[in-house]
Amino acid sequence: MQDVANEFPNVGNIGSVEDAVKLGISFEDQGRDFYLEFAEATTDPAAKDMFIYLAEEEKKHAKYLQSYLKGEDLSIDEESDMPDFKEAFASEFTGEKLGEVGVMLAAMRLERKTEDLYLMLSSVSSDAVQRDFFEKLAAVERGHYDLIDGLLGAITGFRMQT
């Protein structure tokens, strides 16, 4: 959570949970744009599939948060099993194609920051339903982080220590 507070000093001083949720929607929208941009730019079919998958996930998360602002149901659809991109990526990445690896590292950072934001929102919420909602969103973001980390591990033989 420290990363979010350091990078966005106003996060700790957000006036309301509503303002924080709006910030979360902004994170999700920016994440979706990030993934769509790289899905469009890459010629690697496995990278394209992964980026499109992650963009759709970010879109769902923004909708969850928008529902929250409208006072609607705070349930989060159980995430289906994440696709296994490892086999497709293993043959696609070589020493000459490190551009996608850099993008994946940036994607991991984005997922981690969003996870931290939701954990912070959970920690400041006085309502058990809200805490559970934000904790579930944080767990989904952690799953995305772990997905990308696993792919990097398969590609490079190196895993992030988190």
N, C-alpha and C. Protein backbone atom coordinates (compact mmCIF):
# COMPACT_ATOMS: atom_id res chain seq x y z
N MET A 1 0.81 -1.20 0.00
CA MET A 1 0.00 0.00 0.00
C MET A 1 0.85 1.25 0.00
N GLN A 2 2.03 1.15 0.45
CA GLN A 2 2.92 2.30 0.51
C GLN A 2 3.12 2.91 -0.87
N ASP A 3 3.20 2.08 -1.91
CA ASP A 3 3.44 2.56 -3.26
C ASP A 3 2.36 3.54 -3.72
N VAL A 4 1.11 3.23 -3.45
CA VAL A 4 0.01 4.11 -3.85
C VAL A 4 0.10 5.42 -3.10
N ALA A 5 0.35 5.37 -1.80
CA ALA A 5 0.43 6.59 -1.00
C ALA A 5 1.60 7.46 -1.44
N ASN A 6 2.73 6.85 -1.80
CA ASN A 6 3.88 7.63 -2.25
C ASN A 6 3.68 8.23 -3.63
N GLU A 7 3.12 7.45 -4.52
CA GLU A 7 2.96 7.92 -5.89
C GLU A 7 1.81 8.91 -6.03
N PHE A 8 0.79 8.74 -5.22
CA PHE A 8 -0.37 9.62 -5.26
C PHE A 8 -0.60 10.14 -3.86
N PRO A 9 0.13 11.18 -3.45
CA PRO A 9 0.06 11.65 -2.06
C PRO A 9 -1.35 12.00 -1.60
N ASN A 10 -2.22 12.39 -2.51
CA ASN A 10 -3.57 12.76 -2.12
C ASN A 10 -4.45 11.56 -1.79
N VAL A 11 -4.00 10.35 -2.14
CA VAL A 11 -4.81 9.17 -1.86
C VAL A 11 -5.07 9.05 -0.37
N GLY A 12 -4.09 9.28 0.45
CA GLY A 12 -4.28 9.19 1.89
C GLY A 12 -5.19 10.26 2.44
N ASN A 13 -5.41 11.33 1.69
CA ASN A 13 -6.24 12.44 2.14
C ASN A 13 -7.55 12.53 1.36
N ILE A 14 -7.94 11.46 0.72
CA ILE A 14 -9.18 11.47 -0.05
C ILE A 14 -10.33 11.76 0.91
N GLY A 15 -11.20 12.64 0.47
CA GLY A 15 -12.27 13.11 1.34
C GLY A 15 -13.32 12.07 1.66
N SER A 16 -13.53 11.11 0.77
CA SER A 16 -14.58 10.13 1.00
C SER A 16 -14.24 8.83 0.28
N VAL A 17 -14.95 7.80 0.67
CA VAL A 17 -14.80 6.52 -0.02
C VAL A 17 -15.23 6.70 -1.48
N GLU A 18 -16.24 7.52 -1.70
CA GLU A 18 -16.71 7.76 -3.07
C GLU A 18 -15.58 8.33 -3.94
N ASP A 19 -14.83 9.29 -3.40
CA ASP A 19 -13.71 9.84 -4.16
C ASP A 19 -12.65 8.78 -4.44
N ALA A 20 -12.41 7.91 -3.47
CA ALA A 20 -11.43 6.84 -3.66
C ALA A 20 -11.90 5.85 -4.71
N VAL A 21 -13.20 5.55 -4.70
CA VAL A 21 -13.74 4.62 -5.71
C VAL A 21 -13.63 5.25 -7.09
N LYS A 22 -13.87 6.54 -7.20
CA LYS A 22 -13.70 7.22 -8.49
C LYS A 22 -12.25 7.13 -8.96
N LEU A 23 -11.31 7.23 -8.02
CA LEU A 23 -9.91 7.05 -8.36
C LEU A 23 -9.67 5.62 -8.85
N GLY A 24 -10.29 4.65 -8.19
CA GLY A 24 -10.18 3.26 -8.63
C GLY A 24 -10.72 3.07 -10.04
N ILE A 25 -11.83 3.70 -10.35
CA ILE A 25 -12.39 3.62 -11.71
C ILE A 25 -11.38 4.19 -12.71
N SER A 26 -10.77 5.30 -12.34
CA SER A 26 -9.75 5.90 -13.20
C SER A 26 -8.58 4.93 -13.42
N PHE A 27 -8.12 4.27 -12.34
CA PHE A 27 -7.04 3.28 -12.47
C PHE A 27 -7.45 2.18 -13.44
N GLU A 28 -8.68 1.68 -13.27
CA GLU A 28 -9.15 0.59 -14.12
C GLU A 28 -9.25 1.03 -15.59
N ASP A 29 -9.78 2.23 -15.81
CA ASP A 29 -9.88 2.74 -17.18
C ASP A 29 -8.51 2.93 -17.82
N GLN A 30 -7.57 3.47 -17.04
CA GLN A 30 -6.22 3.65 -17.56
C GLN A 30 -5.55 2.30 -17.83
N GLY A 31 -5.80 1.34 -16.96
CA GLY A 31 -5.26 0.00 -17.17
C GLY A 31 -5.81 -0.62 -18.44
N ARG A 32 -7.11 -0.46 -18.65
CA ARG A 32 -7.73 -0.99 -19.87
C ARG A 32 -7.11 -0.35 -21.11
N ASP A 33 -6.98 0.97 -21.09
CA ASP A 33 -6.36 1.66 -22.22
C ASP A 33 -4.93 1.18 -22.46
N PHE A 34 -4.19 0.99 -21.38
CA PHE A 34 -2.81 0.51 -21.46
C PHE A 34 -2.77 -0.84 -22.17
N TYR A 35 -3.61 -1.77 -21.71
CA TYR A 35 -3.60 -3.11 -22.30
C TYR A 35 -4.08 -3.10 -23.75
N LEU A 36 -5.09 -2.31 -24.06
CA LEU A 36 -5.58 -2.25 -25.44
C LEU A 36 -4.53 -1.65 -26.38
N GLU A 37 -3.81 -0.65 -25.88
CA GLU A 37 -2.75 -0.03 -26.69
C GLU A 37 -1.70 -1.07 -27.07
N PHE A 38 -1.29 -1.87 -26.12
CA PHE A 38 -0.26 -2.86 -26.41
C PHE A 38 -0.82 -4.07 -27.15
N ALA A 39 -2.08 -4.37 -26.97
CA ALA A 39 -2.70 -5.44 -27.77
C ALA A 39 -2.68 -5.05 -29.25
N GLU A 40 -2.95 -3.78 -29.49
CA GLU A 40 -2.95 -3.27 -30.87
C GLU A 40 -1.55 -3.21 -31.45
N ALA A 41 -0.57 -2.87 -30.63
CA ALA A 41 0.79 -2.65 -31.13
C ALA A 41 1.57 -3.93 -31.34
N THR A 42 1.26 -4.99 -30.58
CA THR A 42 2.08 -6.19 -30.68
C THR A 42 1.72 -7.03 -31.89
N THR A 43 2.72 -7.69 -32.42
CA THR A 43 2.49 -8.64 -33.51
C THR A 43 2.49 -10.06 -32.98
N ASP A 44 2.77 -10.20 -31.70
CA ASP A 44 2.84 -11.50 -31.06
C ASP A 44 1.42 -11.95 -30.67
N PRO A 45 0.93 -13.05 -31.24
CA PRO A 45 -0.45 -13.47 -30.96
C PRO A 45 -0.70 -13.78 -29.48
N ALA A 46 0.27 -14.38 -28.80
CA ALA A 46 0.09 -14.70 -27.39
C ALA A 46 0.01 -13.43 -26.55
N ALA A 47 0.88 -12.47 -26.85
CA ALA A 47 0.85 -11.20 -26.11
C ALA A 47 -0.47 -10.49 -26.37
N LYS A 48 -0.92 -10.49 -27.61
CA LYS A 48 -2.19 -9.84 -27.96
C LYS A 48 -3.33 -10.45 -27.16
N ASP A 49 -3.39 -11.78 -27.11
CA ASP A 49 -4.45 -12.46 -26.36
C ASP A 49 -4.41 -12.10 -24.88
N MET A 50 -3.22 -12.07 -24.31
CA MET A 50 -3.10 -11.75 -22.89
C MET A 50 -3.53 -10.31 -22.62
N PHE A 51 -3.08 -9.38 -23.46
CA PHE A 51 -3.43 -7.98 -23.25
C PHE A 51 -4.94 -7.75 -23.40
N ILE A 52 -5.55 -8.42 -24.35
CA ILE A 52 -7.00 -8.29 -24.53
C ILE A 52 -7.73 -8.86 -23.32
N TYR A 53 -7.27 -10.01 -22.84
CA TYR A 53 -7.87 -10.60 -21.64
C TYR A 53 -7.79 -9.62 -20.47
N LEU A 54 -6.62 -9.06 -20.24
CA LEU A 54 -6.44 -8.14 -19.11
C LEU A 54 -7.26 -6.86 -19.30
N ALA A 55 -7.39 -6.37 -20.54
CA ALA A 55 -8.22 -5.19 -20.81
C ALA A 55 -9.67 -5.47 -20.44
N GLU A 56 -10.16 -6.64 -20.80
CA GLU A 56 -11.54 -7.00 -20.47
C GLU A 56 -11.74 -7.12 -18.95
N GLU A 57 -10.72 -7.63 -18.26
CA GLU A 57 -10.79 -7.72 -16.81
C GLU A 57 -10.89 -6.32 -16.20
N GLU A 58 -10.09 -5.39 -16.69
CA GLU A 58 -10.12 -4.02 -16.15
C GLU A 58 -11.49 -3.38 -16.42
N LYS A 59 -12.06 -3.66 -17.55
CA LYS A 59 -13.39 -3.14 -17.88
C LYS A 59 -14.43 -3.66 -16.89
N LYS A 60 -14.36 -4.96 -16.56
CA LYS A 60 -15.28 -5.53 -15.57
C LYS A 60 -15.11 -4.86 -14.21
N HIS A 61 -13.87 -4.62 -13.83
CA HIS A 61 -13.62 -4.01 -12.52
C HIS A 61 -14.18 -2.60 -12.45
N ALA A 62 -14.03 -1.84 -13.52
CA ALA A 62 -14.60 -0.49 -13.55
C ALA A 62 -16.12 -0.56 -13.40
N LYS A 63 -16.74 -1.55 -14.02
CA LYS A 63 -18.20 -1.70 -13.89
C LYS A 63 -18.59 -2.06 -12.46
N TYR A 64 -17.80 -2.91 -11.80
CA TYR A 64 -18.08 -3.23 -10.39
C TYR A 64 -18.07 -1.95 -9.56
N LEU A 65 -17.06 -1.11 -9.80
CA LEU A 65 -16.92 0.11 -9.02
C LEU A 65 -18.03 1.10 -9.34
N GLN A 66 -18.43 1.18 -10.61
CA GLN A 66 -19.53 2.06 -10.99
C GLN A 66 -20.83 1.60 -10.31
N SER A 67 -21.03 0.28 -10.23
CA SER A 67 -22.20 -0.26 -9.53
C SER A 67 -22.16 0.13 -8.06
N TYR A 68 -20.97 0.09 -7.50
CA TYR A 68 -20.80 0.48 -6.10
C TYR A 68 -21.26 1.93 -5.90
N LEU A 69 -20.82 2.82 -6.81
CA LEU A 69 -21.20 4.24 -6.68
C LEU A 69 -22.70 4.45 -6.80
N LYS A 70 -23.36 3.60 -7.56
CA LYS A 70 -24.81 3.71 -7.74
C LYS A 70 -25.58 3.06 -6.60
N GLY A 71 -24.85 2.47 -5.65
CA GLY A 71 -25.51 1.82 -4.53
C GLY A 71 -26.07 0.45 -4.87
N GLU A 72 -25.60 -0.12 -5.95
CA GLU A 72 -26.09 -1.43 -6.37
C GLU A 72 -25.34 -2.53 -5.64
N ASP A 73 -25.68 -3.75 -5.97
CA ASP A 73 -25.10 -4.94 -5.36
C ASP A 73 -23.58 -4.90 -5.41
N LEU A 74 -22.95 -5.22 -4.28
CA LEU A 74 -21.49 -5.19 -4.20
C LEU A 74 -20.85 -6.54 -4.49
N SER A 75 -21.62 -7.46 -5.03
CA SER A 75 -21.02 -8.76 -5.31
C SER A 75 -20.13 -8.67 -6.54
N ILE A 76 -19.12 -9.51 -6.51
CA ILE A 76 -18.19 -9.60 -7.63
C ILE A 76 -18.33 -10.99 -8.20
N ASP A 77 -18.55 -11.07 -9.51
CA ASP A 77 -18.63 -12.38 -10.14
C ASP A 77 -17.37 -13.15 -9.84
N GLU A 78 -17.54 -14.40 -9.51
CA GLU A 78 -16.36 -15.23 -9.28
C GLU A 78 -15.56 -15.26 -10.58
N GLU A 79 -14.30 -14.94 -10.45
CA GLU A 79 -13.44 -14.93 -11.62
C GLU A 79 -13.27 -16.35 -12.13
N SER A 80 -13.41 -16.51 -13.42
CA SER A 80 -13.17 -17.82 -14.00
C SER A 80 -11.68 -18.10 -13.99
N ASP A 81 -11.33 -19.32 -14.22
CA ASP A 81 -9.91 -19.66 -14.29
C ASP A 81 -9.24 -18.81 -15.35
N MET A 82 -8.09 -18.28 -14.99
CA MET A 82 -7.35 -17.47 -15.95
C MET A 82 -6.77 -18.37 -17.01
N PRO A 83 -6.77 -17.90 -18.24
CA PRO A 83 -6.16 -18.70 -19.30
C PRO A 83 -4.68 -18.94 -19.00
N ASP A 84 -4.16 -20.03 -19.50
CA ASP A 84 -2.75 -20.33 -19.34
C ASP A 84 -2.04 -19.93 -20.63
N PHE A 85 -1.33 -18.82 -20.55
CA PHE A 85 -0.64 -18.30 -21.72
C PHE A 85 0.80 -18.81 -21.81
N LYS A 86 1.26 -19.56 -20.81
CA LYS A 86 2.67 -19.92 -20.73
C LYS A 86 3.18 -20.67 -21.96
N GLU A 87 2.42 -21.66 -22.39
CA GLU A 87 2.90 -22.45 -23.53
C GLU A 87 3.04 -21.59 -24.78
N ALA A 88 2.07 -20.73 -25.02
CA ALA A 88 2.14 -19.87 -26.21
C ALA A 88 3.31 -18.90 -26.11
N PHE A 89 3.54 -18.36 -24.92
CA PHE A 89 4.62 -17.39 -24.75
C PHE A 89 5.99 -18.02 -24.81
N ALA A 90 6.12 -19.25 -24.36
CA ALA A 90 7.44 -19.87 -24.27
C ALA A 90 8.16 -19.88 -25.61
N SER A 91 7.45 -20.06 -26.68
CA SER A 91 8.10 -20.11 -27.99
C SER A 91 8.17 -18.74 -28.65
N GLU A 92 7.44 -17.78 -28.14
CA GLU A 92 7.37 -16.48 -28.79
C GLU A 92 8.46 -15.52 -28.38
N PHE A 93 8.96 -15.62 -27.15
CA PHE A 93 9.93 -14.66 -26.66
C PHE A 93 11.34 -15.15 -26.85
N THR A 94 12.13 -14.32 -27.44
CA THR A 94 13.56 -14.61 -27.59
C THR A 94 14.30 -13.39 -27.09
N GLY A 95 15.60 -13.45 -27.09
CA GLY A 95 16.39 -12.31 -26.66
C GLY A 95 16.16 -11.07 -27.51
N GLU A 96 15.67 -11.27 -28.71
CA GLU A 96 15.44 -10.13 -29.61
C GLU A 96 14.07 -9.50 -29.40
N LYS A 97 13.22 -10.11 -28.61
CA LYS A 97 11.86 -9.62 -28.45
C LYS A 97 11.59 -9.24 -27.00
N LEU A 98 12.44 -8.40 -26.45
CA LEU A 98 12.28 -8.03 -25.05
C LEU A 98 11.28 -6.89 -24.85
N GLY A 99 10.79 -6.31 -25.94
CA GLY A 99 9.82 -5.23 -25.80
C GLY A 99 8.60 -5.66 -25.03
N GLU A 100 8.06 -6.84 -25.32
CA GLU A 100 6.89 -7.33 -24.62
C GLU A 100 7.19 -7.58 -23.14
N VAL A 101 8.42 -8.01 -22.85
CA VAL A 101 8.78 -8.24 -21.45
C VAL A 101 8.72 -6.92 -20.69
N GLY A 102 9.21 -5.85 -21.28
CA GLY A 102 9.14 -4.54 -20.65
C GLY A 102 7.71 -4.11 -20.40
N VAL A 103 6.85 -4.37 -21.37
CA VAL A 103 5.44 -4.04 -21.21
C VAL A 103 4.83 -4.87 -20.08
N MET A 104 5.22 -6.12 -20.01
CA MET A 104 4.68 -6.98 -18.96
C MET A 104 5.13 -6.51 -17.58
N LEU A 105 6.37 -6.02 -17.48
CA LEU A 105 6.83 -5.48 -16.20
C LEU A 105 6.02 -4.23 -15.82
N ALA A 106 5.74 -3.40 -16.80
CA ALA A 106 4.91 -2.22 -16.53
C ALA A 106 3.50 -2.65 -16.12
N ALA A 107 2.98 -3.69 -16.75
CA ALA A 107 1.65 -4.20 -16.42
C ALA A 107 1.62 -4.72 -14.98
N MET A 108 2.69 -5.39 -14.57
CA MET A 108 2.76 -5.89 -13.20
C MET A 108 2.69 -4.72 -12.21
N ARG A 109 3.40 -3.65 -12.53
CA ARG A 109 3.39 -2.48 -11.64
C ARG A 109 1.99 -1.89 -11.55
N LEU A 110 1.31 -1.81 -12.68
CA LEU A 110 -0.05 -1.29 -12.71
C LEU A 110 -0.98 -2.16 -11.85
N GLU A 111 -0.88 -3.47 -12.00
CA GLU A 111 -1.72 -4.37 -11.22
C GLU A 111 -1.44 -4.23 -9.73
N ARG A 112 -0.17 -4.10 -9.39
CA ARG A 112 0.21 -3.98 -7.97
C ARG A 112 -0.31 -2.68 -7.37
N LYS A 113 -0.21 -1.58 -8.11
CA LYS A 113 -0.70 -0.31 -7.60
C LYS A 113 -2.21 -0.35 -7.39
N THR A 114 -2.91 -0.99 -8.30
CA THR A 114 -4.36 -1.07 -8.17
C THR A 114 -4.74 -1.96 -6.99
N GLU A 115 -4.02 -3.06 -6.83
CA GLU A 115 -4.23 -3.93 -5.66
C GLU A 115 -4.04 -3.12 -4.38
N ASP A 116 -2.96 -2.35 -4.32
CA ASP A 116 -2.69 -1.54 -3.13
C ASP A 116 -3.80 -0.53 -2.86
N LEU A 117 -4.33 0.07 -3.91
CA LEU A 117 -5.42 1.03 -3.74
C LEU A 117 -6.63 0.35 -3.10
N TYR A 118 -6.99 -0.84 -3.59
CA TYR A 118 -8.15 -1.52 -3.04
C TYR A 118 -7.92 -1.99 -1.61
N LEU A 119 -6.70 -2.39 -1.29
CA LEU A 119 -6.39 -2.76 0.09
C LEU A 119 -6.50 -1.54 1.01
N MET A 120 -6.06 -0.38 0.52
CA MET A 120 -6.19 0.84 1.31
C MET A 120 -7.67 1.18 1.52
N LEU A 121 -8.47 1.04 0.46
CA LEU A 121 -9.90 1.32 0.60
C LEU A 121 -10.55 0.36 1.60
N SER A 122 -10.14 -0.89 1.56
CA SER A 122 -10.68 -1.86 2.52
C SER A 122 -10.30 -1.48 3.95
N SER A 123 -9.07 -1.03 4.12
CA SER A 123 -8.61 -0.72 5.48
C SER A 123 -9.30 0.51 6.07
N VAL A 124 -9.77 1.42 5.24
CA VAL A 124 -10.43 2.62 5.78
C VAL A 124 -11.95 2.50 5.82
N SER A 125 -12.48 1.40 5.30
CA SER A 125 -13.92 1.24 5.28
C SER A 125 -14.42 0.74 6.64
N SER A 126 -15.50 1.32 7.09
CA SER A 126 -16.09 0.89 8.37
C SER A 126 -17.19 -0.14 8.16
N ASP A 127 -17.53 -0.42 6.92
CA ASP A 127 -18.61 -1.34 6.60
C ASP A 127 -18.03 -2.68 6.15
N ALA A 128 -18.50 -3.77 6.75
CA ALA A 128 -17.96 -5.10 6.45
C ALA A 128 -18.19 -5.50 4.99
N VAL A 129 -19.34 -5.13 4.43
CA VAL A 129 -19.63 -5.47 3.03
C VAL A 129 -18.67 -4.73 2.11
N GLN A 130 -18.41 -3.46 2.41
CA GLN A 130 -17.47 -2.68 1.61
C GLN A 130 -16.06 -3.25 1.72
N ARG A 131 -15.65 -3.59 2.95
CA ARG A 131 -14.32 -4.17 3.13
C ARG A 131 -14.16 -5.43 2.30
N ASP A 132 -15.16 -6.30 2.34
CA ASP A 132 -15.12 -7.55 1.58
C ASP A 132 -15.04 -7.27 0.07
N PHE A 133 -15.83 -6.31 -0.39
CA PHE A 133 -15.84 -5.92 -1.81
C PHE A 133 -14.45 -5.48 -2.25
N PHE A 134 -13.83 -4.59 -1.50
CA PHE A 134 -12.50 -4.09 -1.87
C PHE A 134 -11.43 -5.17 -1.74
N GLU A 135 -11.56 -6.04 -0.75
CA GLU A 135 -10.60 -7.13 -0.60
C GLU A 135 -10.68 -8.10 -1.77
N LYS A 136 -11.90 -8.36 -2.25
CA LYS A 136 -12.05 -9.24 -3.42
C LYS A 136 -11.45 -8.59 -4.66
N LEU A 137 -11.68 -7.30 -4.84
CA LEU A 137 -11.06 -6.62 -5.99
C LEU A 137 -9.54 -6.67 -5.89
N ALA A 138 -9.01 -6.47 -4.70
CA ALA A 138 -7.56 -6.54 -4.51
C ALA A 138 -7.05 -7.93 -4.85
N ALA A 139 -7.78 -8.96 -4.45
CA ALA A 139 -7.35 -10.34 -4.74
C ALA A 139 -7.35 -10.62 -6.23
N VAL A 140 -8.32 -10.06 -6.95
CA VAL A 140 -8.35 -10.25 -8.40
C VAL A 140 -7.15 -9.58 -9.04
N GLU A 141 -6.83 -8.37 -8.59
CA GLU A 141 -5.66 -7.67 -9.12
C GLU A 141 -4.38 -8.46 -8.82
N ARG A 142 -4.30 -9.05 -7.62
CA ARG A 142 -3.14 -9.88 -7.27
C ARG A 142 -3.07 -11.08 -8.21
N GLY A 143 -4.21 -11.64 -8.57
CA GLY A 143 -4.23 -12.75 -9.52
C GLY A 143 -3.66 -12.36 -10.87
N HIS A 144 -3.99 -11.16 -11.32
CA HIS A 144 -3.43 -10.67 -12.58
C HIS A 144 -1.92 -10.50 -12.48
N TYR A 145 -1.49 -9.94 -11.36
CA TYR A 145 -0.06 -9.77 -11.12
C TYR A 145 0.64 -11.12 -11.17
N ASP A 146 0.06 -12.10 -10.48
CA ASP A 146 0.66 -13.44 -10.44
C ASP A 146 0.67 -14.09 -11.82
N LEU A 147 -0.39 -13.86 -12.60
CA LEU A 147 -0.44 -14.39 -13.97
C LEU A 147 0.74 -13.87 -14.79
N ILE A 148 0.94 -12.56 -14.75
CA ILE A 148 2.02 -11.95 -15.53
C ILE A 148 3.37 -12.39 -15.00
N ASP A 149 3.50 -12.46 -13.68
CA ASP A 149 4.75 -12.91 -13.08
C ASP A 149 5.07 -14.34 -13.49
N GLY A 150 4.06 -15.19 -13.53
CA GLY A 150 4.27 -16.57 -13.96
C GLY A 150 4.72 -16.65 -15.41
N LEU A 151 4.15 -15.80 -16.24
CA LEU A 151 4.57 -15.78 -17.65
C LEU A 151 6.01 -15.32 -17.77
N LEU A 152 6.35 -14.29 -17.03
CA LEU A 152 7.74 -13.82 -17.06
C LEU A 152 8.69 -14.89 -16.56
N GLY A 153 8.27 -15.61 -15.55
CA GLY A 153 9.10 -16.70 -15.04
C GLY A 153 9.31 -17.77 -16.09
N ALA A 154 8.26 -18.11 -16.82
CA ALA A 154 8.38 -19.12 -17.88
C ALA A 154 9.26 -18.63 -19.03
N ILE A 155 9.18 -17.35 -19.30
CA ILE A 155 9.92 -16.78 -20.43
C ILE A 155 11.39 -16.56 -20.10
N THR A 156 11.64 -15.99 -18.92
CA THR A 156 12.99 -15.56 -18.59
C THR A 156 13.69 -16.43 -17.57
N GLY A 157 12.94 -17.29 -16.89
CA GLY A 157 13.53 -18.07 -15.81
C GLY A 157 13.71 -17.27 -14.54
N PHE A 158 13.10 -16.09 -14.48
CA PHE A 158 13.22 -15.20 -13.33
C PHE A 158 11.84 -14.87 -12.82
N ARG A 159 11.64 -14.92 -11.51
CA ARG A 159 10.35 -14.56 -10.91
C ARG A 159 10.56 -13.40 -9.96
N MET A 160 9.58 -12.51 -9.91
CA MET A 160 9.61 -11.39 -8.98
C MET A 160 9.42 -11.94 -7.58
N GLN A 161 10.05 -11.35 -6.62
CA GLN A 161 9.89 -11.75 -5.21
C GLN A 161 8.87 -10.83 -4.59
N THR A 162 7.66 -11.32 -4.39
CA THR A 162 6.59 -10.50 -3.82
C THR A 162 6.02 -11.14 -2.60
